[in-house]
Amino acid sequence: MSNVRLPKQVEPHKCAMKRSDYRGVMAVADMARLKEAVLEILDDVAVELRFEIDAQGLTFFHGDLQTRVSLECQRCNKPFEYSIEQPFCYTPISEGQSVEELPEAYDPVELNEHGEINILELFEDELILSLPLVAMHDENDCSVTDDEMSFGEIEPETKQPNPFAVLKELKRNQE
């Protein structure tokens, strides 16, 4: 494996024929959507990427993404560090190719008109999807306690008369 700055575009079929393996980084300066989703990106994205051809003759690529970001806790509104370690496994498909015939282990990714994939956008999507839906510290690390999370007091429910009580009385009178 070579430790390099990864390209933004790759031709997966050619890389698979060469059985290319990459270990490198992707600059976060190019990941505008990820920057908007977090407070701060603390590290470049470390990428391990392997291109292969499986027993069925399908080209696929798999690996891992790792980085650290700073998120805002939704309980205490303070920043905290969140580590992302996201595995992935894709197979390229061309326009009109059926997705149903692919093995479940592979996520399909569509090739552009030049037979390439923009891995920068693909990996940025993976990182955004790996963020928590609601960013929060662990309960032990958060400065907000359980007592502070409850607001006001719930008044006991007042007993209201049953509106059907009148019908019950009418039924008694008929008997």
Protein backbone atom coordinates (compact mmCIF):
# COMPACT_ATOMS: atom_id res chain seq x y z
CA MET A 1 0.00 0.00 0.00
CA SER A 2 1.18 3.49 -0.72
CA ASN A 3 0.57 6.42 1.66
CA VAL A 4 -0.59 9.17 -0.68
CA ARG A 5 -2.98 12.03 -1.04
CA LEU A 6 -5.88 10.35 -2.79
CA PRO A 7 -7.26 11.63 -6.09
CA LYS A 8 -10.77 13.06 -6.28
CA GLN A 9 -11.76 10.88 -9.25
CA VAL A 10 -10.88 7.22 -9.90
CA GLU A 11 -11.63 4.67 -12.61
CA PRO A 12 -12.62 1.65 -10.49
CA HIS A 13 -12.39 -0.92 -13.30
CA LYS A 14 -8.79 0.03 -14.14
CA CYS A 15 -7.84 0.16 -10.45
CA ALA A 16 -9.37 -3.28 -9.90
CA MET A 17 -7.46 -4.74 -12.84
CA LYS A 18 -4.24 -3.45 -11.21
CA ARG A 19 -5.50 -4.57 -7.76
CA SER A 20 -4.66 -1.11 -6.45
CA ASP A 21 -4.46 -0.50 -2.71
CA TYR A 22 -4.28 2.98 -1.27
CA ARG A 23 -3.63 4.29 2.20
CA GLY A 24 -3.78 8.03 2.28
CA VAL A 25 -5.61 11.18 3.26
CA MET A 26 -8.25 13.40 1.77
CA ALA A 27 -8.11 17.09 2.56
CA VAL A 28 -11.10 18.37 4.49
CA ALA A 29 -10.76 21.73 2.77
CA ASP A 30 -12.66 20.18 -0.17
CA MET A 31 -15.50 18.82 2.00
CA ALA A 32 -17.82 21.82 2.28
CA ARG A 33 -20.96 19.83 3.13
CA LEU A 34 -19.23 18.02 6.00
CA LYS A 35 -17.94 21.35 7.32
CA GLU A 36 -21.54 22.64 7.45
CA ALA A 37 -22.74 19.55 9.34
CA VAL A 38 -20.20 19.83 12.19
CA LEU A 39 -18.64 22.57 14.30
CA GLU A 40 -15.12 21.73 13.16
CA ILE A 41 -13.26 18.95 11.37
CA LEU A 42 -10.29 18.17 13.61
CA ASP A 43 -8.26 15.86 11.30
CA ASP A 44 -7.84 15.10 7.63
CA VAL A 45 -9.78 12.02 6.56
CA ALA A 46 -7.59 8.91 6.69
CA VAL A 47 -8.62 6.47 3.97
CA GLU A 48 -7.76 2.83 3.34
CA LEU A 49 -9.02 1.81 -0.07
CA ARG A 50 -8.72 -1.52 -1.92
CA PHE A 51 -9.94 -2.30 -5.43
CA GLU A 52 -10.69 -5.92 -6.30
CA ILE A 53 -12.63 -8.22 -8.59
CA ASP A 54 -14.79 -10.86 -6.88
CA ALA A 55 -15.50 -14.47 -7.89
CA GLN A 56 -18.49 -13.34 -9.99
CA GLY A 57 -16.28 -10.95 -11.96
CA LEU A 58 -17.76 -7.84 -10.30
CA THR A 59 -15.48 -4.92 -9.64
CA PHE A 60 -15.74 -3.63 -6.10
CA PHE A 61 -13.81 -1.42 -3.72
CA HIS A 62 -13.84 -1.41 0.04
CA GLY A 63 -12.02 0.09 2.99
CA ASP A 64 -12.33 2.40 5.96
CA LEU A 65 -12.63 6.13 6.63
CA GLN A 66 -11.37 7.69 9.86
CA THR A 67 -11.46 11.23 11.16
CA ARG A 68 -12.38 13.30 14.20
CA VAL A 69 -14.95 16.09 14.27
CA SER A 70 -16.30 18.48 16.85
CA LEU A 71 -20.07 18.43 17.39
CA GLU A 72 -22.41 20.48 19.58
CA CYS A 73 -24.13 18.56 22.36
CA GLN A 74 -27.89 19.02 22.08
CA ARG A 75 -28.31 18.78 25.87
CA CYS A 76 -25.72 21.27 27.13
CA ASN A 77 -24.84 23.13 23.89
CA LYS A 78 -21.12 22.58 24.48
CA PRO A 79 -18.74 21.14 21.88
CA PHE A 80 -17.41 17.60 22.14
CA GLU A 81 -15.08 15.44 20.08
CA TYR A 82 -16.57 12.62 18.01
CA SER A 83 -14.45 9.96 16.28
CA ILE A 84 -15.67 8.52 13.00
CA GLU A 85 -14.55 5.07 11.83
CA GLN A 86 -16.70 4.12 8.86
CA PRO A 87 -16.24 0.97 6.75
CA PHE A 88 -17.58 0.91 3.19
CA CYS A 89 -17.97 -1.52 0.29
CA TYR A 90 -19.12 -0.36 -3.16
CA THR A 91 -19.47 -1.75 -6.63
CA PRO A 92 -19.66 0.57 -9.62
CA ILE A 93 -22.65 0.32 -11.91
CA SER A 94 -23.29 1.98 -15.22
CA GLU A 95 -26.51 3.65 -16.28
CA GLY A 96 -29.27 1.13 -16.91
CA GLN A 97 -27.57 -1.71 -15.02
CA SER A 98 -29.91 -3.60 -12.70
CA VAL A 99 -29.19 -3.22 -8.99
CA GLU A 100 -31.23 -6.32 -8.06
CA GLU A 101 -28.58 -8.69 -9.38
CA LEU A 102 -25.86 -7.30 -7.10
CA PRO A 103 -24.89 -9.08 -3.86
CA GLU A 104 -26.24 -7.45 -0.71
CA ALA A 105 -22.73 -6.81 0.62
CA TYR A 106 -22.12 -4.18 -2.08
CA ASP A 107 -23.63 -0.71 -2.20
CA PRO A 108 -24.06 0.41 -5.80
CA VAL A 109 -22.41 3.64 -6.96
CA GLU A 110 -23.02 5.02 -10.42
CA LEU A 111 -20.18 5.78 -12.82
CA ASN A 112 -20.10 9.14 -14.60
CA GLU A 113 -19.96 9.45 -18.42
CA HIS A 114 -16.16 8.92 -18.35
CA GLY A 115 -16.35 5.67 -16.33
CA GLU A 116 -15.10 7.39 -13.17
CA ILE A 117 -16.36 7.87 -9.62
CA ASN A 118 -15.92 11.03 -7.60
CA ILE A 119 -14.62 9.40 -4.42
CA LEU A 120 -14.32 12.75 -2.64
CA GLU A 121 -18.11 13.25 -2.81
CA LEU A 122 -18.77 9.57 -2.10
CA PHE A 123 -16.60 9.55 1.02
CA GLU A 124 -18.03 12.90 2.16
CA ASP A 125 -21.52 11.35 1.93
CA GLU A 126 -20.33 8.35 4.00
CA LEU A 127 -18.96 10.65 6.70
CA ILE A 128 -22.12 12.77 6.85
CA LEU A 129 -24.30 9.65 7.12
CA SER A 130 -22.13 8.31 9.95
CA LEU A 131 -22.79 11.37 12.13
CA PRO A 132 -25.27 10.82 14.98
CA LEU A 133 -28.84 11.99 14.41
CA VAL A 134 -28.80 13.80 17.74
CA ALA A 135 -25.33 14.80 18.86
CA MET A 136 -24.91 14.35 22.62
CA HIS A 137 -22.15 13.67 25.11
CA ASP A 138 -22.28 10.45 27.08
CA GLU A 139 -24.57 11.03 30.07
CA ASN A 140 -21.58 10.77 32.42
CA ASP A 141 -19.64 13.44 30.49
CA CYS A 142 -22.48 15.92 29.96
CA SER A 143 -22.73 18.92 32.27
CA VAL A 144 -26.56 18.73 32.26
CA THR A 145 -27.95 16.41 34.93
CA ASP A 146 -31.25 14.51 34.89
CA ASP A 147 -32.77 17.08 37.28
CA GLU A 148 -31.94 19.90 34.89
CA MET A 149 -33.57 18.11 31.96
CA SER A 150 -37.07 18.25 33.46
CA PHE A 151 -38.87 21.55 33.18
CA GLY A 152 -41.72 22.62 35.45
CA GLU A 153 -44.12 20.37 37.27
CA ILE A 154 -46.95 18.32 35.88
CA GLU A 155 -50.18 19.06 37.66
CA PRO A 156 -52.37 16.13 38.60
CA GLU A 157 -55.19 15.48 36.19
CA THR A 158 -58.45 17.02 37.32
CA LYS A 159 -61.42 14.67 37.54
CA GLN A 160 -64.01 15.77 35.01
CA PRO A 161 -67.52 14.39 34.96
CA ASN A 162 -68.19 11.64 32.49
CA PRO A 163 -70.33 13.05 29.64
CA PHE A 164 -72.07 9.68 29.28
CA ALA A 165 -73.21 9.62 32.88
CA VAL A 166 -76.48 11.27 31.74
CA LEU A 167 -77.11 8.37 29.35
CA LYS A 168 -76.48 5.90 32.16
CA GLU A 169 -79.14 7.66 34.25
CA LEU A 170 -81.62 7.56 31.34
CA LYS A 171 -81.07 3.83 30.96
CA ARG A 172 -81.77 3.27 34.68
CA ASN A 173 -84.99 5.24 34.40
CA GLN A 174 -86.21 3.09 31.49
CA GLU A 175 -85.68 -0.15 33.39
